[in-house]
């Protein structure tokens, strides 16, 4: 039997993946994923598996392979990651963001937490199982998608729409942003993602009368847009508790002994340290202005000005939030949708949830595991269009002092080597036994 364990190569695979610059600038701009997809396909082929590499557009590459399970009667599982990353401004970093450097026991670089760490875990486990000749219980589809950071139009969404046969028999999915540990009241707990907010990226356009900047102008597009953006950005969204968030806070209350006061959730959020920002955004809908564009010269009043708004909605509230955004924008503002996607929420129960908890407990006996809602989004949104239930489970045991959640899309992104090894062991346990 092969003696190379997943934890023996997971760090090296992660470093190699980071060294591919797969920055996604949206609008199909950036280096694309072709080079890294070829590398991933080679790692899969090397152990005797048969990957399929396909492009949704030139350079926008995805890799999928199916490993046959021992029981064809069981529904299939998809374990997936994305190969693109958000851009990194090198001058802001203390290291080269695409060097994959190991320093102080951590691997540094863009994608170290989002999500080439999980890609490396998936690949290390897949390769170990293939080398050992270990068959999973059920069919497992391993997928590495393009374009997640821009909504998946060239990745998971494209695959769902154009290659649905790749997902035949799949009912459940595992992907990113869950399974990581957090220090809660001095105790280690793992946050398993069972829900994620919906999203809408909106473009607001105001039209007015163009003219000379020295003249009186009561039909100014910039003024009209500024008012709309201010109303939206200043709107105070009420605190609301979904089933998942309520279960999470009740779990935190049990761990810490701090009462769950619905009128003042901050007392519990304060128990979460840096994770409080991550979780706090899931207690309400949000609408953040992110972009402004209007005019081209100081003494010219433009006829058009535009803004972009990033809207994130609680499960079940998407349409009513968008209606309120339209009301806040007011008259004279055109609203168009750049990207729109669903919220997800599934109960913290079932065989897969039990298997994920068991896999964590095999490596960290007795640790608490809590469900939580992700304020962002994942490719599980696209897969849900095929009726696939998705979870976030990229298991990492993290040192309490590391601001892990703050590094998503942040500067000096990094992940501990020992955390990667832990995650590879947990994922191996899960995929070998579920």
Protein backbone atom coordinates (compact mmCIF):
# COMPACT_ATOMS: atom_id res chain seq x y z
CA UNK A 1 0.00 0.00 0.00
CA UNK A 2 1.14 3.55 -0.69
CA UNK A 3 2.88 5.14 2.30
CA UNK A 4 2.42 8.76 1.14
CA UNK A 5 -0.43 10.20 3.17
CA UNK A 6 -2.55 13.21 2.15
CA UNK A 7 -0.95 15.33 4.87
CA UNK A 8 2.52 14.60 3.43
CA UNK A 9 1.91 16.49 0.18
CA UNK A 10 -0.93 18.90 0.89
CA UNK A 11 1.34 21.86 1.74
CA UNK A 12 3.48 21.43 -1.36
CA UNK A 13 0.41 21.20 -3.58
CA UNK A 14 -0.99 24.36 -2.01
CA UNK A 15 2.25 26.26 -2.65
CA UNK A 16 2.33 25.17 -6.28
CA UNK A 17 -1.28 26.25 -6.81
CA UNK A 18 -0.63 29.69 -5.32
CA UNK A 19 2.24 30.18 -7.79
CA UNK A 20 -0.25 30.31 -10.65
CA UNK A 21 -1.57 33.86 -10.95
CA UNK A 22 -5.26 33.27 -11.58
CA UNK A 23 -6.45 36.79 -10.71
CA UNK A 24 -10.05 37.36 -11.74
CA UNK A 25 -10.82 40.99 -12.62
CA UNK A 26 -14.38 40.08 -13.72
CA UNK A 27 -15.80 40.74 -17.20
CA UNK A 28 -13.65 37.85 -18.47
CA UNK A 29 -10.50 39.86 -17.75
CA UNK A 30 -7.36 38.35 -16.25
CA UNK A 31 -4.90 35.55 -17.00
CA UNK A 32 -7.59 32.87 -16.80
CA UNK A 33 -7.35 29.39 -15.34
CA UNK A 34 -5.99 27.35 -18.26
CA UNK A 35 -2.44 26.93 -16.92
CA UNK A 36 -3.48 25.92 -13.41
CA UNK A 37 -6.20 23.64 -14.79
CA UNK A 38 -3.59 21.79 -16.84
CA UNK A 39 -1.47 21.44 -13.69
CA UNK A 40 -4.45 20.09 -11.69
CA UNK A 41 -5.36 17.68 -14.49
CA UNK A 42 -1.76 16.41 -14.52
CA UNK A 43 -1.86 15.78 -10.76
CA UNK A 44 -5.06 13.77 -11.24
CA UNK A 45 -3.78 11.83 -14.25
CA UNK A 46 -0.54 11.00 -12.44
CA UNK A 47 -2.40 8.66 -10.07
CA UNK A 48 -4.37 6.90 -12.81
CA UNK A 49 -7.59 8.89 -12.75
CA UNK A 50 -9.19 10.40 -15.86
CA UNK A 51 -9.82 14.15 -15.57
CA UNK A 52 -11.76 16.13 -18.14
CA UNK A 53 -10.52 19.65 -18.81
CA UNK A 54 -12.93 21.90 -20.67
CA UNK A 55 -13.15 25.60 -21.41
CA UNK A 56 -16.23 27.79 -21.22
CA UNK A 57 -14.33 30.49 -23.15
CA UNK A 58 -10.71 30.74 -24.28
CA UNK A 59 -8.52 30.38 -21.20
CA UNK A 60 -11.43 29.84 -18.79
CA UNK A 61 -10.77 26.22 -17.86
CA UNK A 62 -12.49 23.77 -15.53
CA UNK A 63 -11.42 20.28 -14.46
CA UNK A 64 -13.82 17.50 -13.44
CA UNK A 65 -13.26 13.82 -12.67
CA UNK A 66 -15.59 11.18 -11.27
CA UNK A 67 -14.36 8.42 -8.96
CA UNK A 68 -16.62 5.39 -8.92
CA UNK A 69 -17.86 4.23 -5.53
CA UNK A 70 -18.40 0.71 -4.25
CA UNK A 71 -22.18 1.14 -3.86
CA UNK A 72 -23.89 2.44 -6.98
CA UNK A 73 -27.21 2.62 -5.12
CA UNK A 74 -25.99 5.53 -3.03
CA UNK A 75 -26.44 9.08 -4.34
CA UNK A 76 -23.25 10.74 -5.53
CA UNK A 77 -21.35 13.54 -3.81
CA UNK A 78 -19.50 16.45 -5.42
CA UNK A 79 -16.43 17.94 -3.73
CA UNK A 80 -15.48 21.15 -5.47
CA UNK A 81 -13.20 24.15 -5.37
CA UNK A 82 -12.44 27.14 -7.54
CA UNK A 83 -9.14 27.94 -9.21
CA UNK A 84 -9.45 31.72 -9.59
CA UNK A 85 -8.56 34.31 -6.96
CA UNK A 86 -9.29 37.97 -6.42
CA UNK A 87 -6.47 40.29 -7.56
CA UNK A 88 -3.64 41.23 -5.20
CA UNK A 89 -1.69 44.50 -5.23
CA UNK A 90 1.88 43.33 -4.63
CA UNK A 91 3.03 46.62 -3.09
CA UNK A 92 0.55 46.17 -0.24
CA UNK A 93 1.92 42.74 0.72
CA UNK A 94 4.95 41.86 2.83
CA UNK A 95 5.64 38.92 0.49
CA UNK A 96 5.16 38.20 -3.20
CA UNK A 97 1.44 37.24 -3.32
CA UNK A 98 2.12 34.61 -5.99
CA UNK A 99 5.32 33.05 -4.65
CA UNK A 100 3.69 30.48 -2.38
CA UNK A 101 6.30 31.22 0.27
CA UNK A 102 6.45 29.26 3.54
CA UNK A 103 7.38 31.47 6.45
CA UNK A 104 6.91 31.06 10.20
CA UNK A 105 5.08 27.79 9.68
CA UNK A 106 2.50 29.35 7.35
CA UNK A 107 2.02 29.35 3.59
CA UNK A 108 1.58 32.89 2.27
CA UNK A 109 -0.04 34.03 -0.92
CA UNK A 110 -3.22 34.96 -2.72
CA UNK A 111 -5.55 31.99 -2.46
CA UNK A 112 -4.01 30.55 0.70
CA UNK A 113 -7.44 30.75 2.38
CA UNK A 114 -9.68 31.42 -0.65
CA UNK A 115 -9.47 28.72 -1.75
CA UNK A 116 -6.31 27.00 -2.95
CA UNK A 117 -5.88 25.57 0.53
CA UNK A 118 -9.04 23.50 0.06
CA UNK A 119 -8.10 22.69 -3.55
CA UNK A 120 -4.85 21.24 -2.18
CA UNK A 121 -6.70 19.22 0.45
CA UNK A 122 -9.04 17.80 -2.17
CA UNK A 123 -6.19 16.88 -4.50
CA UNK A 124 -4.07 15.31 -1.76
CA UNK A 125 -6.94 13.11 -0.56
CA UNK A 126 -8.02 12.16 -4.08
CA UNK A 127 -4.45 11.20 -5.01
CA UNK A 128 -3.95 9.15 -1.85
CA UNK A 129 -7.18 7.22 -2.35
CA UNK A 130 -6.25 6.48 -5.97
CA UNK A 131 -2.72 5.37 -5.12
CA UNK A 132 -4.00 3.10 -2.36
CA UNK A 133 -6.81 1.71 -4.52
CA UNK A 134 -9.32 2.84 -1.88
CA UNK A 135 -12.82 3.17 -3.28
CA UNK A 136 -15.26 5.57 -1.67
CA UNK A 137 -18.66 4.29 -0.61
CA UNK A 138 -20.42 6.36 -3.27
CA UNK A 139 -19.44 8.04 -6.52
CA UNK A 140 -17.54 11.25 -5.87
CA UNK A 141 -17.29 13.99 -8.47
CA UNK A 142 -14.20 16.14 -7.92
CA UNK A 143 -14.49 19.52 -9.63
CA UNK A 144 -12.21 22.54 -9.91
CA UNK A 145 -14.08 25.49 -11.38
CA UNK A 146 -13.14 28.77 -13.00
CA UNK A 147 -14.60 32.19 -12.26
CA UNK A 148 -16.14 31.75 -8.81
CA UNK A 149 -14.90 35.18 -7.76
CA UNK A 150 -17.04 36.81 -10.46
CA UNK A 151 -20.17 34.70 -10.01
CA UNK A 152 -19.27 31.53 -11.90
CA UNK A 153 -20.47 32.48 -15.36
CA UNK A 154 -17.41 30.78 -16.85
CA UNK A 155 -17.22 28.11 -14.19
CA UNK A 156 -19.80 26.30 -12.10
CA UNK A 157 -22.79 28.09 -13.59
CA UNK A 158 -21.56 27.41 -17.12
CA UNK A 159 -20.99 23.73 -16.28
CA UNK A 160 -24.46 23.38 -14.75
CA UNK A 161 -26.07 24.96 -17.80
CA UNK A 162 -23.97 23.29 -20.50
CA UNK A 163 -22.62 20.07 -18.98
CA UNK A 164 -25.28 18.89 -16.51
CA UNK A 165 -24.42 15.23 -17.25
CA UNK A 166 -21.23 15.73 -15.24
CA UNK A 167 -23.42 15.88 -12.13
CA UNK A 168 -25.66 12.87 -12.82
CA UNK A 169 -26.79 11.28 -9.57
CA UNK A 170 -25.25 13.99 -7.37
CA UNK A 171 -27.45 15.15 -4.50
CA UNK A 172 -24.98 16.80 -2.10
CA UNK A 173 -21.96 19.07 -2.36
CA UNK A 174 -19.01 20.10 -0.21
CA UNK A 175 -17.02 23.26 -0.84
CA UNK A 176 -15.40 26.25 0.88
CA UNK A 177 -15.76 28.53 3.91
CA UNK A 178 -16.80 26.11 6.60
CA UNK A 179 -15.28 23.57 8.94
CA UNK A 180 -12.67 26.00 10.29
CA UNK A 181 -12.13 26.43 14.00
CA UNK A 182 -12.76 29.50 16.12
CA UNK A 183 -12.04 30.26 19.74
CA UNK A 184 -15.39 30.85 21.46
CA UNK A 185 -15.28 31.62 25.15
CA UNK A 186 -11.91 29.92 25.42
CA UNK A 187 -13.20 26.75 23.76
CA UNK A 188 -12.51 25.50 20.25
CA UNK A 189 -15.54 25.17 18.00
CA UNK A 190 -15.81 24.38 14.30
CA UNK A 191 -18.17 26.40 12.11
CA UNK A 192 -19.95 24.25 9.53
CA UNK A 193 -21.57 26.33 6.82
CA UNK A 194 -25.19 25.29 6.21
CA UNK A 195 -26.50 28.56 4.76
CA UNK A 196 -25.35 31.51 2.67
CA UNK A 197 -26.89 34.85 1.84
CA UNK A 198 -28.28 35.71 -1.56
CA UNK A 199 -26.57 38.35 -3.64
CA UNK A 200 -27.34 41.01 -6.19
CA UNK A 201 -24.74 43.25 -7.78
CA UNK A 202 -26.66 46.26 -9.06
CA UNK A 203 -25.77 49.15 -11.34
CA UNK A 204 -27.50 52.46 -10.62
CA UNK A 205 -27.56 54.97 -13.49
CA UNK A 206 -28.66 58.59 -13.24
CA UNK A 207 -29.25 60.82 -16.25
CA UNK A 208 -29.32 64.59 -16.28
CA UNK A 209 -28.59 67.65 -18.37
CA UNK A 210 -24.97 67.95 -19.40
CA UNK A 211 -23.43 71.38 -19.36
CA UNK A 212 -20.75 73.80 -18.25
CA UNK A 213 -19.63 73.48 -14.65
CA UNK A 214 -20.02 77.21 -14.07
CA UNK A 215 -23.75 77.22 -14.80
CA UNK A 216 -26.76 76.62 -12.54
CA UNK A 217 -27.96 73.09 -13.21
CA UNK A 218 -31.01 71.68 -11.44
CA UNK A 219 -30.87 68.43 -13.43
CA UNK A 220 -27.44 67.19 -12.35
CA UNK A 221 -26.87 63.45 -12.79
CA UNK A 222 -24.07 63.35 -10.20
CA UNK A 223 -26.23 65.03 -7.56
CA UNK A 224 -29.16 62.71 -8.26
CA UNK A 225 -26.92 59.63 -8.07
CA UNK A 226 -25.20 60.84 -4.90
CA UNK A 227 -28.53 61.20 -3.14
CA UNK A 228 -29.60 57.70 -4.16
CA UNK A 229 -26.30 56.15 -3.09
CA UNK A 230 -26.43 57.96 0.25
CA UNK A 231 -29.97 56.80 0.97
CA UNK A 232 -29.04 53.19 0.20
CA UNK A 233 -25.73 53.26 2.01
CA UNK A 234 -27.19 54.91 5.12
CA UNK A 235 -30.23 52.64 5.39
CA UNK A 236 -30.37 50.84 8.74
CA UNK A 237 -31.35 47.21 8.17
CA UNK A 238 -33.04 45.53 11.16
CA UNK A 239 -31.52 42.59 13.00
CA UNK A 240 -33.26 39.36 11.98
CA UNK A 241 -32.57 35.76 12.96
CA UNK A 242 -32.76 32.96 10.43
CA UNK A 243 -33.02 29.37 11.65
CA UNK A 244 -29.28 28.83 11.07
CA UNK A 245 -28.15 32.02 12.77
CA UNK A 246 -30.42 31.40 15.74
CA UNK A 247 -29.01 27.87 16.12
CA UNK A 248 -25.47 29.26 15.94
CA UNK A 249 -26.04 31.91 18.59
CA UNK A 250 -27.80 29.43 20.86
CA UNK A 251 -24.75 27.19 20.51
CA UNK A 252 -22.44 30.09 21.37
CA UNK A 253 -24.59 30.84 24.41
CA UNK A 254 -24.30 27.24 25.57
CA UNK A 255 -20.51 27.26 25.10
CA UNK A 256 -19.92 30.57 26.85
CA UNK A 257 -22.69 30.79 29.41
CA UNK A 258 -23.59 34.23 28.03
CA UNK A 259 -27.33 34.71 27.59
CA UNK A 260 -28.68 35.03 24.05
CA UNK A 261 -30.43 38.39 24.16
CA UNK A 262 -32.32 38.85 20.89
CA UNK A 263 -32.48 42.59 21.44
CA UNK A 264 -28.70 42.86 21.86
CA UNK A 265 -26.79 40.13 19.98
CA UNK A 266 -23.54 42.08 20.39
CA UNK A 267 -22.96 40.50 23.81
CA UNK A 268 -22.66 37.12 22.11
CA UNK A 269 -20.77 38.42 19.09
CA UNK A 270 -18.17 39.79 21.49
CA UNK A 271 -17.40 36.20 22.48
CA UNK A 272 -16.30 35.37 18.93
CA UNK A 273 -13.20 37.54 18.59
CA UNK A 274 -12.29 38.27 14.97
CA UNK A 275 -15.00 35.88 13.74
CA UNK A 276 -17.62 38.33 15.02
CA UNK A 277 -17.32 40.46 11.85
CA UNK A 278 -17.88 37.39 9.68
CA UNK A 279 -20.95 36.29 11.63
CA UNK A 280 -22.27 39.77 12.39
CA UNK A 281 -22.95 40.39 8.70
CA UNK A 282 -25.40 37.47 8.69
CA UNK A 283 -27.76 39.05 11.21
CA UNK A 284 -29.22 41.47 8.67
CA UNK A 285 -29.53 42.28 5.01
CA UNK A 286 -26.82 44.59 3.64
CA UNK A 287 -26.48 46.95 0.68
CA UNK A 288 -23.07 48.54 0.26
CA UNK A 289 -22.13 51.07 -2.43
CA UNK A 290 -18.85 49.88 -3.94
CA UNK A 291 -18.22 51.93 -7.10
CA UNK A 292 -18.86 55.44 -8.45
CA UNK A 293 -18.27 56.76 -11.95
CA UNK A 294 -19.36 60.04 -13.46
CA UNK A 295 -17.83 62.84 -15.43
CA UNK A 296 -14.53 63.35 -17.20
CA UNK A 297 -13.46 66.96 -16.46
CA UNK A 298 -13.75 69.34 -13.51
CA UNK A 299 -15.67 71.99 -15.41
CA UNK A 300 -18.07 69.69 -17.28
CA UNK A 301 -21.34 68.48 -15.75
CA UNK A 302 -21.85 64.97 -17.16
CA UNK A 303 -25.11 63.77 -18.57
CA UNK A 304 -24.75 60.35 -16.91
CA UNK A 305 -23.34 58.99 -13.66
CA UNK A 306 -23.38 55.46 -12.31
CA UNK A 307 -22.76 53.50 -9.12
CA UNK A 308 -22.59 49.86 -8.15
CA UNK A 309 -24.21 48.35 -5.07
CA UNK A 310 -23.39 44.99 -3.49
CA UNK A 311 -26.60 43.63 -1.95
CA UNK A 312 -26.57 40.54 0.28
CA UNK A 313 -29.90 39.11 1.38
CA UNK A 314 -31.04 36.78 4.12
CA UNK A 315 -32.67 33.51 3.04
CA UNK A 316 -36.24 34.08 1.90
CA UNK A 317 -35.99 37.87 1.66
CA UNK A 318 -34.36 38.53 -1.72
CA UNK A 319 -37.23 40.09 -3.63
CA UNK A 320 -38.47 42.28 -0.81
CA UNK A 321 -34.95 43.65 -0.27
CA UNK A 322 -34.56 44.49 -3.95
CA UNK A 323 -37.93 46.25 -3.90
CA UNK A 324 -36.79 48.36 -0.97
CA UNK A 325 -33.55 49.21 -2.81
CA UNK A 326 -35.65 50.48 -5.72
CA UNK A 327 -37.67 52.64 -3.34
CA UNK A 328 -34.54 54.03 -1.69
CA UNK A 329 -32.96 54.84 -5.05
CA UNK A 330 -35.94 57.01 -5.91
CA UNK A 331 -37.15 58.57 -9.13
CA UNK A 332 -34.78 59.17 -12.00
CA UNK A 333 -32.51 56.22 -11.19
CA UNK A 334 -32.29 53.25 -13.54
CA UNK A 335 -31.36 49.96 -11.85
CA UNK A 336 -29.89 47.07 -13.80
CA UNK A 337 -28.59 43.75 -12.54
CA UNK A 338 -24.95 42.79 -13.06
CA UNK A 339 -25.26 39.47 -11.25
CA UNK A 340 -28.03 37.90 -9.20
CA UNK A 341 -28.02 34.67 -7.22
CA UNK A 342 -30.02 32.78 -4.64
CA UNK A 343 -29.63 32.39 -0.90
CA UNK A 344 -29.25 28.88 0.49
CA UNK A 345 -30.24 27.33 3.80
CA UNK A 346 -30.39 23.68 4.81
CA UNK A 347 -30.99 22.06 8.21
CA UNK A 348 -28.05 21.10 10.42
CA UNK A 349 -29.08 17.45 10.23
CA UNK A 350 -28.66 14.43 7.98
CA UNK A 351 -26.11 11.75 7.17
CA UNK A 352 -23.60 14.07 5.53
CA UNK A 353 -23.69 16.53 8.43
CA UNK A 354 -23.22 13.63 10.86
CA UNK A 355 -20.30 12.35 8.77
CA UNK A 356 -18.60 15.76 8.72
CA UNK A 357 -18.97 16.06 12.49
CA UNK A 358 -17.62 12.52 12.99
CA UNK A 359 -14.62 13.29 10.77
CA UNK A 360 -13.82 16.38 12.84
CA UNK A 361 -14.21 14.47 16.09
CA UNK A 362 -11.87 11.76 14.85
CA UNK A 363 -9.12 14.40 14.81
CA UNK A 364 -10.38 16.66 17.62
CA UNK A 365 -12.51 14.59 20.02
CA UNK A 366 -15.24 16.44 21.85
CA UNK A 367 -14.91 19.72 19.96
CA UNK A 368 -18.10 21.69 19.42
CA UNK A 369 -19.48 21.95 15.87
CA UNK A 370 -21.95 24.73 15.09
CA UNK A 371 -23.94 25.63 11.96
CA UNK A 372 -23.49 29.11 10.57
CA UNK A 373 -24.51 31.33 7.66
CA UNK A 374 -21.95 32.69 5.20
CA UNK A 375 -22.38 36.36 4.34
CA UNK A 376 -20.74 35.80 0.95
CA UNK A 377 -21.48 33.19 -1.69
CA UNK A 378 -20.01 30.01 -3.15
CA UNK A 379 -20.39 27.84 -6.23
CA UNK A 380 -22.95 25.85 -4.26
CA UNK A 381 -25.41 28.46 -5.53
CA UNK A 382 -24.92 27.29 -9.10
CA UNK A 383 -25.14 23.61 -8.16
CA UNK A 384 -28.39 24.25 -6.29
CA UNK A 385 -30.02 24.82 -9.67
CA UNK A 386 -29.71 21.04 -10.15
CA UNK A 387 -31.27 20.37 -6.75
CA UNK A 388 -27.89 19.70 -5.12
CA UNK A 389 -27.67 20.57 -1.41
CA UNK A 390 -24.39 22.29 -0.60
CA UNK A 391 -22.32 22.72 2.55
CA UNK A 392 -19.17 24.68 3.35
CA UNK A 393 -16.58 22.30 4.80
CA UNK A 394 -12.92 23.13 4.30
CA UNK A 395 -11.70 21.82 7.67
CA UNK A 396 -8.90 23.73 9.39
CA UNK A 397 -7.80 23.69 13.01
CA UNK A 398 -6.50 27.22 13.49
CA UNK A 399 -4.49 28.97 16.20
CA UNK A 400 -6.76 31.35 18.15
CA UNK A 401 -4.55 34.37 17.46
CA UNK A 402 -4.83 34.06 13.65
CA UNK A 403 -7.42 36.42 12.12
CA UNK A 404 -8.41 33.80 9.56
CA UNK A 405 -11.73 35.25 8.44
CA UNK A 406 -10.16 38.69 8.04
CA UNK A 407 -7.83 37.32 5.35
CA UNK A 408 -10.54 36.47 2.82
CA UNK A 409 -9.75 38.89 -0.02
CA UNK A 410 -7.30 40.58 2.35
CA UNK A 411 -3.59 41.43 2.36
CA UNK A 412 -0.95 38.89 3.46
CA UNK A 413 -3.32 35.96 3.13
CA UNK A 414 -1.80 32.90 4.80
CA UNK A 415 -2.64 29.50 6.24
CA UNK A 416 -0.72 27.39 8.78
CA UNK A 417 0.93 24.27 7.40
CA UNK A 418 -0.31 22.25 10.37
CA UNK A 419 -3.85 23.44 9.67
CA UNK A 420 -3.59 22.12 6.10
CA UNK A 421 -2.37 18.77 7.38
CA UNK A 422 -5.26 18.62 9.85
CA UNK A 423 -7.72 19.43 7.07
CA UNK A 424 -6.28 16.72 4.80
CA UNK A 425 -6.71 14.14 7.57
CA UNK A 426 -10.30 15.21 8.26
CA UNK A 427 -11.26 15.27 4.59
CA UNK A 428 -9.64 11.86 4.06
CA UNK A 429 -11.65 10.48 6.97
CA UNK A 430 -14.86 11.91 5.56
CA UNK A 431 -14.47 10.83 1.93
CA UNK A 432 -13.24 7.37 2.88
CA UNK A 433 -16.24 6.64 5.07
CA UNK A 434 -19.25 8.55 3.72
